[in-house]
PDB file of N, CA and C in Angstrom:
ATOM      1  N   MET A   1     105.034  92.015 105.585  1.00  0.00           N
ATOM      2  CA  MET A   1     105.441  93.349 105.976  1.00  0.00           C
ATOM      3  C   MET A   1     104.506  94.410 105.387  1.00  0.00           C
ATOM      4  N   ASP A   2     103.791  94.069 104.336  1.00  0.00           N
ATOM      5  CA  ASP A   2     102.882  95.032 103.742  1.00  0.00           C
ATOM      6  C   ASP A   2     101.500  95.019 104.385  1.00  0.00           C
ATOM      7  N   ASP A   3     101.256  94.074 105.272  1.00  0.00           N
ATOM      8  CA  ASP A   3      99.935  93.948 105.876  1.00  0.00           C
ATOM      9  C   ASP A   3      99.924  94.499 107.293  1.00  0.00           C
ATOM     10  N   GLU A   4      98.772  95.018 107.678  1.00  0.00           N
ATOM     11  CA  GLU A   4      98.541  95.519 109.035  1.00  0.00           C
ATOM     12  C   GLU A   4      97.481  94.646 109.697  1.00  0.00           C
ATOM     13  N   ARG A   5      97.572  94.512 111.000  1.00  0.00           N
ATOM     14  CA  ARG A   5      96.575  93.780 111.771  1.00  0.00           C
ATOM     15  C   ARG A   5      95.876  94.752 112.707  1.00  0.00           C
ATOM     16  N   CYS A   6      94.549  94.788 112.640  1.00  0.00           N
ATOM     17  CA  CYS A   6      93.759  95.692 113.471  1.00  0.00           C
ATOM     18  C   CYS A   6      93.812  95.230 114.927  1.00  0.00           C
ATOM     19  N   PRO A   7      94.131  96.143 115.864  1.00  0.00           N
ATOM     20  CA  PRO A   7      94.176  95.741 117.267  1.00  0.00           C
ATOM     21  C   PRO A   7      92.788  95.507 117.871  1.00  0.00           C
ATOM     22  N   LYS A   8      91.752  96.022 117.221  1.00  0.00           N
ATOM     23  CA  LYS A   8      90.403  95.877 117.766  1.00  0.00           C
ATOM     24  C   LYS A   8      89.727  94.587 117.301  1.00  0.00           C
ATOM     25  N   CYS A   9      89.683  94.369 115.971  1.00  0.00           N
ATOM     26  CA  CYS A   9      88.962  93.200 115.455  1.00  0.00           C
ATOM     27  C   CYS A   9      89.889  92.085 114.967  1.00  0.00           C
ATOM     28  N   GLY A  10      91.189  92.365 114.816  1.00  0.00           N
ATOM     29  CA  GLY A  10      92.148  91.341 114.425  1.00  0.00           C
ATOM     30  C   GLY A  10      92.211  91.048 112.935  1.00  0.00           C
ATOM     31  N   SER A  11      91.533  91.818 112.103  1.00  0.00           N
ATOM     32  CA  SER A  11      91.568  91.547 110.670  1.00  0.00           C
ATOM     33  C   SER A  11      92.906  91.967 110.071  1.00  0.00           C
ATOM     34  N   LEU A  12      93.315  91.272 109.034  1.00  0.00           N
ATOM     35  CA  LEU A  12      94.575  91.529 108.342  1.00  0.00           C
ATOM     36  C   LEU A  12      94.252  92.184 107.012  1.00  0.00           C
ATOM     37  N   PHE A  13      94.903  93.311 106.714  1.00  0.00           N
ATOM     38  CA  PHE A  13      94.606  94.048 105.485  1.00  0.00           C
ATOM     39  C   PHE A  13      95.856  94.765 105.007  1.00  0.00           C
ATOM     40  N   PRO A  14      95.941  95.083 103.682  1.00  0.00           N
ATOM     41  CA  PRO A  14      97.094  95.825 103.169  1.00  0.00           C
ATOM     42  C   PRO A  14      97.038  97.284 103.615  1.00  0.00           C
ATOM     43  N   ALA A  15      98.103  97.754 104.218  1.00  0.00           N
ATOM     44  CA  ALA A  15      98.127  99.118 104.758  1.00  0.00           C
ATOM     45  C   ALA A  15      98.134 100.170 103.662  1.00  0.00           C
ATOM     46  N   SER A  16      98.656  99.849 102.506  1.00  0.00           N
ATOM     47  CA  SER A  16      98.704 100.855 101.442  1.00  0.00           C
ATOM     48  C   SER A  16      97.302 101.235 100.969  1.00  0.00           C
ATOM     49  N   ALA A  17      96.346 100.335 101.085  1.00  0.00           N
ATOM     50  CA  ALA A  17      94.977 100.635 100.668  1.00  0.00           C
ATOM     51  C   ALA A  17      94.156 101.265 101.783  1.00  0.00           C
ATOM     52  N   ALA A  18      94.689 101.301 102.991  1.00  0.00           N
ATOM     53  CA  ALA A  18      93.905 101.773 104.136  1.00  0.00           C
ATOM     54  C   ALA A  18      94.538 102.990 104.806  1.00  0.00           C
ATOM     55  N   TRP A  19      95.346 103.727 104.087  1.00  0.00           N
ATOM     56  CA  TRP A  19      95.993 104.901 104.652  1.00  0.00           C
ATOM     57  C   TRP A  19      94.932 105.911 105.065  1.00  0.00           C
ATOM     58  N   ALA A  20      95.037 106.448 106.275  1.00  0.00           N
ATOM     59  CA  ALA A  20      94.036 107.379 106.803  1.00  0.00           C
ATOM     60  C   ALA A  20      94.679 108.748 107.012  1.00  0.00           C
ATOM     61  N   PRO A  21      94.588 109.640 106.024  1.00  0.00           N
ATOM     62  CA  PRO A  21      95.198 110.965 106.180  1.00  0.00           C
ATOM     63  C   PRO A  21      94.460 111.811 107.203  1.00  0.00           C
ATOM     64  N   ARG A  22      95.143 112.805 107.706  1.00  0.00           N
ATOM     65  CA  ARG A  22      94.533 113.711 108.668  1.00  0.00           C
ATOM     66  C   ARG A  22      93.613 114.692 107.944  1.00  0.00           C
ATOM     67  N   SER A  23      93.039 115.626 108.654  1.00  0.00           N
ATOM     68  CA  SER A  23      92.068 116.552 108.072  1.00  0.00           C
ATOM     69  C   SER A  23      92.727 117.486 107.057  1.00  0.00           C
ATOM     70  N   GLU A  24      91.911 118.075 106.197  1.00  0.00           N
ATOM     71  CA  GLU A  24      92.401 118.997 105.167  1.00  0.00           C
ATOM     72  C   GLU A  24      92.974 120.273 105.790  1.00  0.00           C
ATOM     73  N   VAL A  25      92.422 120.723 106.900  1.00  0.00           N
ATOM     74  CA  VAL A  25      92.915 121.937 107.549  1.00  0.00           C
ATOM     75  C   VAL A  25      94.349 121.730 108.022  1.00  0.00           C
ATOM     76  N   LEU A  26      94.612 120.583 108.623  1.00  0.00           N
ATOM     77  CA  LEU A  26      95.969 120.297 109.085  1.00  0.00           C
ATOM     78  C   LEU A  26      96.922 120.152 107.904  1.00  0.00           C
ATOM     79  N   ARG A  27      96.437 119.619 106.799  1.00  0.00           N
ATOM     80  CA  ARG A  27      97.269 119.466 105.603  1.00  0.00           C
ATOM     81  C   ARG A  27      97.680 120.831 105.050  1.00  0.00           C
ATOM     82  N   LEU A  28      96.779 121.804 105.094  1.00  0.00           N
ATOM     83  CA  LEU A  28      97.093 123.146 104.607  1.00  0.00           C
ATOM     84  C   LEU A  28      98.040 123.881 105.552  1.00  0.00           C
ATOM     85  N   LEU A  29      97.869 123.658 106.852  1.00  0.00           N
ATOM     86  CA  LEU A  29      98.709 124.346 107.819  1.00  0.00           C
ATOM     87  C   LEU A  29     100.131 123.799 107.854  1.00  0.00           C
ATOM     88  N   SER A  30     100.280 122.515 107.691  1.00  0.00           N
ATOM     89  CA  SER A  30     101.605 121.910 107.755  1.00  0.00           C
ATOM     90  C   SER A  30     101.710 120.765 106.749  1.00  0.00           C
ATOM     91  N   PRO A  31     102.123 121.063 105.517  1.00  0.00           N
ATOM     92  CA  PRO A  31     102.199 120.019 104.485  1.00  0.00           C
ATOM     93  C   PRO A  31     103.197 118.914 104.811  1.00  0.00           C
ATOM     94  N   ALA A  32     104.185 119.187 105.663  1.00  0.00           N
ATOM     95  CA  ALA A  32     105.168 118.157 105.991  1.00  0.00           C
ATOM     96  C   ALA A  32     104.551 117.021 106.791  1.00  0.00           C
ATOM     97  N   LEU A  33     103.465 117.271 107.495  1.00  0.00           N
ATOM     98  CA  LEU A  33     102.838 116.219 108.296  1.00  0.00           C
ATOM     99  C   LEU A  33     102.238 115.124 107.428  1.00  0.00           C
ATOM    100  N   VAL A  34     101.904 115.422 106.188  1.00  0.00           N
ATOM    101  CA  VAL A  34     101.327 114.415 105.306  1.00  0.00           C
ATOM    102  C   VAL A  34     102.325 113.291 105.074  1.00  0.00           C
ATOM    103  N   ASP A  35     103.595 113.620 104.886  1.00  0.00           N
ATOM    104  CA  ASP A  35     104.613 112.597 104.682  1.00  0.00           C
ATOM    105  C   ASP A  35     104.897 111.813 105.947  1.00  0.00           C
ATOM    106  N   LEU A  36     104.689 112.420 107.094  1.00  0.00           N
ATOM    107  CA  LEU A  36     104.985 111.756 108.363  1.00  0.00           C
ATOM    108  C   LEU A  36     103.792 110.989 108.907  1.00  0.00           C
ATOM    109  N   ASP A  37     102.637 111.155 108.320  1.00  0.00           N
ATOM    110  CA  ASP A  37     101.435 110.515 108.825  1.00  0.00           C
ATOM    111  C   ASP A  37     101.472 109.020 108.536  1.00  0.00           C
ATOM    112  N   THR A  38     101.396 108.224 109.554  1.00  0.00           N
ATOM    113  CA  THR A  38     101.490 106.774 109.395  1.00  0.00           C
ATOM    114  C   THR A  38     100.259 106.070 109.951  1.00  0.00           C
ATOM    115  N   ARG A  39      99.123 106.731 109.917  1.00  0.00           N
ATOM    116  CA  ARG A  39      97.909 106.116 110.442  1.00  0.00           C
ATOM    117  C   ARG A  39      97.194 105.336 109.352  1.00  0.00           C
ATOM    118  N   VAL A  40      96.563 104.235 109.742  1.00  0.00           N
ATOM    119  CA  VAL A  40      95.764 103.427 108.825  1.00  0.00           C
ATOM    120  C   VAL A  40      94.372 103.217 109.421  1.00  0.00           C
ATOM    121  N   ARG A  41      93.406 102.960 108.538  1.00  0.00           N
ATOM    122  CA  ARG A  41      92.025 102.717 108.965  1.00  0.00           C
ATOM    123  C   ARG A  41      91.660 101.277 108.633  1.00  0.00           C
ATOM    124  N   CYS A  42      91.145 100.571 109.627  1.00  0.00           N
ATOM    125  CA  CYS A  42      90.714  99.193 109.419  1.00  0.00           C
ATOM    126  C   CYS A  42      89.472  99.200 108.519  1.00  0.00           C
ATOM    127  N   PRO A  43      89.476  98.422 107.419  1.00  0.00           N
ATOM    128  CA  PRO A  43      88.316  98.410 106.533  1.00  0.00           C
ATOM    129  C   PRO A  43      87.103  97.706 107.143  1.00  0.00           C
ATOM    130  N   ASN A  44      87.311  96.862 108.156  1.00  0.00           N
ATOM    131  CA  ASN A  44      86.191  96.127 108.759  1.00  0.00           C
ATOM    132  C   ASN A  44      85.483  96.924 109.845  1.00  0.00           C
ATOM    133  N   CYS A  45      86.251  97.445 110.810  1.00  0.00           N
ATOM    134  CA  CYS A  45      85.615  98.120 111.945  1.00  0.00           C
ATOM    135  C   CYS A  45      85.781  99.637 111.920  1.00  0.00           C
ATOM    136  N   GLY A  46      86.653 100.165 111.054  1.00  0.00           N
ATOM    137  CA  GLY A  46      86.821 101.609 110.927  1.00  0.00           C
ATOM    138  C   GLY A  46      87.758 102.232 111.945  1.00  0.00           C
ATOM    139  N   LEU A  47      88.418 101.436 112.757  1.00  0.00           N
ATOM    140  CA  LEU A  47      89.352 101.958 113.760  1.00  0.00           C
ATOM    141  C   LEU A  47      90.574 102.567 113.074  1.00  0.00           C
ATOM    142  N   ILE A  48      90.966 103.761 113.502  1.00  0.00           N
ATOM    143  CA  ILE A  48      92.180 104.401 112.991  1.00  0.00           C
ATOM    144  C   ILE A  48      93.265 104.208 114.032  1.00  0.00           C
ATOM    145  N   PHE A  49      94.407 103.652 113.603  1.00  0.00           N
ATOM    146  CA  PHE A  49      95.501 103.382 114.528  1.00  0.00           C
ATOM    147  C   PHE A  49      96.829 103.577 113.807  1.00  0.00           C
ATOM    148  N   PRO A  50      97.927 103.760 114.555  1.00  0.00           N
ATOM    149  CA  PRO A  50      99.235 103.952 113.917  1.00  0.00           C
ATOM    150  C   PRO A  50      99.691 102.678 113.197  1.00  0.00           C
ATOM    151  N   ALA A  51     100.263 102.837 112.034  1.00  0.00           N
ATOM    152  CA  ALA A  51     100.760 101.694 111.266  1.00  0.00           C
ATOM    153  C   ALA A  51     101.971 101.087 111.948  1.00  0.00           C
ATOM    154  N   THR A  52     102.107  99.776 111.823  1.00  0.00           N
ATOM    155  CA  THR A  52     103.262  99.104 112.422  1.00  0.00           C
ATOM    156  C   THR A  52     104.392  98.925 111.416  1.00  0.00           C
ATOM    157  N   SER A  53     104.083  98.872 110.125  1.00  0.00           N
ATOM    158  CA  SER A  53     105.136  98.747 109.124  1.00  0.00           C
ATOM    159  C   SER A  53     105.495 100.122 108.577  1.00  0.00           C
ATOM    160  N   TYR A  54     106.755 100.306 108.271  1.00  0.00           N
ATOM    161  CA  TYR A  54     107.251 101.598 107.814  1.00  0.00           C
ATOM    162  C   TYR A  54     106.831 101.847 106.378  1.00  0.00           C
ATOM    163  N   ARG A  55     106.448 103.072 106.064  1.00  0.00           N
ATOM    164  CA  ARG A  55     106.032 103.460 104.721  1.00  0.00           C
ATOM    165  C   ARG A  55     106.822 104.681 104.268  1.00  0.00           C
ATOM    166  N   PHE A  56     107.304 104.656 103.026  1.00  0.00           N
ATOM    167  CA  PHE A  56     107.954 105.811 102.434  1.00  0.00           C
ATOM    168  C   PHE A  56     106.899 106.657 101.742  1.00  0.00           C
ATOM    169  N   PHE A  57     106.900 107.953 101.969  1.00  0.00           N
ATOM    170  CA  PHE A  57     105.921 108.891 101.414  1.00  0.00           C
ATOM    171  C   PHE A  57     104.498 108.550 101.849  1.00  0.00           C
ATOM    172  N   GLY A  58     104.359 107.770 102.886  1.00  0.00           N
ATOM    173  CA  GLY A  58     103.051 107.435 103.414  1.00  0.00           C
ATOM    174  C   GLY A  58     102.387 106.231 102.792  1.00  0.00           C
ATOM    175  N   PHE A  59     102.870 105.767 101.625  1.00  0.00           N
ATOM    176  CA  PHE A  59     102.174 104.654 100.979  1.00  0.00           C
ATOM    177  C   PHE A  59     103.090 103.600 100.377  1.00  0.00           C
ATOM    178  N   LEU A  60     104.382 103.868 100.203  1.00  0.00           N
ATOM    179  CA  LEU A  60     105.279 102.883  99.601  1.00  0.00           C
ATOM    180  C   LEU A  60     105.892 101.985 100.668  1.00  0.00           C
ATOM    181  N   SER A  61     105.780 100.691 100.486  1.00  0.00           N
ATOM    182  CA  SER A  61     106.428  99.750 101.388  1.00  0.00           C
ATOM    183  C   SER A  61     107.933  99.751 101.105  1.00  0.00           C
ATOM    184  N   PRO A  62     108.737  99.200 101.999  1.00  0.00           N
ATOM    185  CA  PRO A  62     110.185  99.143 101.728  1.00  0.00           C
ATOM    186  C   PRO A  62     110.523  98.409 100.430  1.00  0.00           C
ATOM    187  N   PHE A  63     109.810  97.334 100.104  1.00  0.00           N
ATOM    188  CA  PHE A  63     110.066  96.623  98.851  1.00  0.00           C
ATOM    189  C   PHE A  63     109.727  97.495  97.648  1.00  0.00           C
ATOM    190  N   ALA A  64     108.587  98.185  97.709  1.00  0.00           N
ATOM    191  CA  ALA A  64     108.194  99.063  96.602  1.00  0.00           C
ATOM    192  C   ALA A  64     109.178 100.210  96.440  1.00  0.00           C
ATOM    193  N   MET A  65     109.718 100.704  97.537  1.00  0.00           N
ATOM    194  CA  MET A  65     110.714 101.778  97.461  1.00  0.00           C
ATOM    195  C   MET A  65     111.996 101.277  96.807  1.00  0.00           C
ATOM    196  N   ARG A  66     112.410 100.040  97.121  1.00  0.00           N
ATOM    197  CA  ARG A  66     113.600  99.466  96.478  1.00  0.00           C
ATOM    198  C   ARG A  66     113.392  99.321  94.977  1.00  0.00           C
ATOM    199  N   VAL A  67     112.220  98.864  94.572  1.00  0.00           N
ATOM    200  CA  VAL A  67     111.919  98.720  93.141  1.00  0.00           C
ATOM    201  C   VAL A  67     111.922 100.083  92.466  1.00  0.00           C
ATOM    202  N   PHE A  68     111.324 101.080  93.098  1.00  0.00           N
ATOM    203  CA  PHE A  68     111.284 102.432  92.547  1.00  0.00           C
ATOM    204  C   PHE A  68     112.696 102.984  92.360  1.00  0.00           C
ATOM    205  N   VAL A  69     113.548 102.827  93.370  1.00  0.00           N
ATOM    206  CA  VAL A  69     114.925 103.332  93.276  1.00  0.00           C
ATOM    207  C   VAL A  69     115.702 102.572  92.201  1.00  0.00           C
ATOM    208  N   ALA A  70     115.506 101.260  92.101  1.00  0.00           N
ATOM    209  CA  ALA A  70     116.206 100.474  91.080  1.00  0.00           C
ATOM    210  C   ALA A  70     115.800 100.915  89.676  1.00  0.00           C
ATOM    211  N   VAL A  71     114.515 101.131  89.455  1.00  0.00           N
ATOM    212  CA  VAL A  71     114.045 101.595  88.148  1.00  0.00           C
ATOM    213  C   VAL A  71     114.573 102.992  87.847  1.00  0.00           C
ATOM    214  N   LEU A  72     114.602 103.849  88.858  1.00  0.00           N
ATOM    215  CA  LEU A  72     115.133 105.199  88.685  1.00  0.00           C
ATOM    216  C   LEU A  72     116.616 105.167  88.314  1.00  0.00           C
ATOM    217  N   VAL A  73     117.398 104.361  89.010  1.00  0.00           N
ATOM    218  CA  VAL A  73     118.836 104.264  88.719  1.00  0.00           C
ATOM    219  C   VAL A  73     119.058 103.684  87.325  1.00  0.00           C
ATOM    220  N   LEU A  74     118.307 102.638  86.974  1.00  0.00           N
ATOM    221  CA  LEU A  74     118.448 102.068  85.625  1.00  0.00           C
ATOM    222  C   LEU A  74     118.065 103.080  84.552  1.00  0.00           C
ATOM    223  N   GLY A  75     117.065 103.881  84.813  1.00  0.00           N
ATOM    224  CA  GLY A  75     116.679 104.922  83.860  1.00  0.00           C
ATOM    225  C   GLY A  75     117.753 105.977  83.690  1.00  0.00           C
ATOM    226  N   ILE A  76     118.367 106.380  84.787  1.00  0.00           N
ATOM    227  CA  ILE A  76     119.435 107.386  84.721  1.00  0.00           C
ATOM    228  C   ILE A  76     120.652 106.824  84.005  1.00  0.00           C
ATOM    229  N   VAL A  77     121.049 105.595  84.354  1.00  0.00           N
ATOM    230  CA  VAL A  77     122.209 104.975  83.698  1.00  0.00           C
ATOM    231  C   VAL A  77     121.919 104.752  82.210  1.00  0.00           C
ATOM    232  N   GLY A  78     120.722 104.304  81.887  1.00  0.00           N
ATOM    233  CA  GLY A  78     120.364 104.107  80.478  1.00  0.00           C
ATOM    234  C   GLY A  78     120.359 105.409  79.702  1.00  0.00           C
ATOM    235  N   SER A  79     119.836 106.466  80.303  1.00  0.00           N
ATOM    236  CA  SER A  79     119.824 107.776  79.636  1.00  0.00           C
ATOM    237  C   SER A  79     121.238 108.305  79.439  1.00  0.00           C
ATOM    238  N   ALA A  80     122.079 108.144  80.458  1.00  0.00           N
ATOM    239  CA  ALA A  80     123.473 108.596  80.340  1.00  0.00           C
ATOM    240  C   ALA A  80     124.200 107.801  79.253  1.00  0.00           C
ATOM    241  N   GLY A  81     123.976 106.502  79.203  1.00  0.00           N
ATOM    242  CA  GLY A  81     124.600 105.670  78.173  1.00  0.00           C
ATOM    243  C   GLY A  81     124.135 106.050  76.780  1.00  0.00           C
ATOM    244  N   TYR A  82     122.869 106.335  76.654  1.00  0.00           N
ATOM    245  CA  TYR A  82     122.323 106.740  75.368  1.00  0.00           C
ATOM    246  C   TYR A  82     122.951 108.060  74.909  1.00  0.00           C
ATOM    247  N   VAL A  83     123.047 109.020  75.820  1.00  0.00           N
ATOM    248  CA  VAL A  83     123.630 110.329  75.475  1.00  0.00           C
ATOM    249  C   VAL A  83     125.110 110.178  75.138  1.00  0.00           C
ATOM    250  N   LEU A  84     125.847 109.361  75.903  1.00  0.00           N
ATOM    251  CA  LEU A  84     127.283 109.214  75.658  1.00  0.00           C
ATOM    252  C   LEU A  84     127.588 108.499  74.345  1.00  0.00           C
ATOM    253  N   PHE A  85     126.807 107.473  74.004  1.00  0.00           N
ATOM    254  CA  PHE A  85     127.139 106.685  72.837  1.00  0.00           C
ATOM    255  C   PHE A  85     126.466 107.130  71.546  1.00  0.00           C
ATOM    256  N   THR A  86     125.541 108.051  71.605  1.00  0.00           N
ATOM    257  CA  THR A  86     124.920 108.529  70.374  1.00  0.00           C
ATOM    258  C   THR A  86     125.518 109.831  69.891  1.00  0.00           C
ATOM    259  N   HIS A  87     126.307 110.491  70.711  1.00  0.00           N
ATOM    260  CA  HIS A  87     126.892 111.778  70.294  1.00  0.00           C
ATOM    261  C   HIS A  87     128.359 111.642  70.067  1.00  0.00           C
TER     262      HIS A  87
END
């Protein structure tokens, strides 16, 4: 699920390393488009095409997002426990 396949040359590559952002002018005009941009660039042939796997914030795979949320929740629960039991 973390890999993309190029429709032109057929190479398989990790999409998180091949994210192809739009131009800087468009980024300044509409910062929300950066989060919605799902294009990737093939490292072999340079073709830019829409990603087939879903990405959170443009670069996190669903598994990485689950790990991030789990660590965040554990950090919040641990901090709350520390505050409750030390005071």
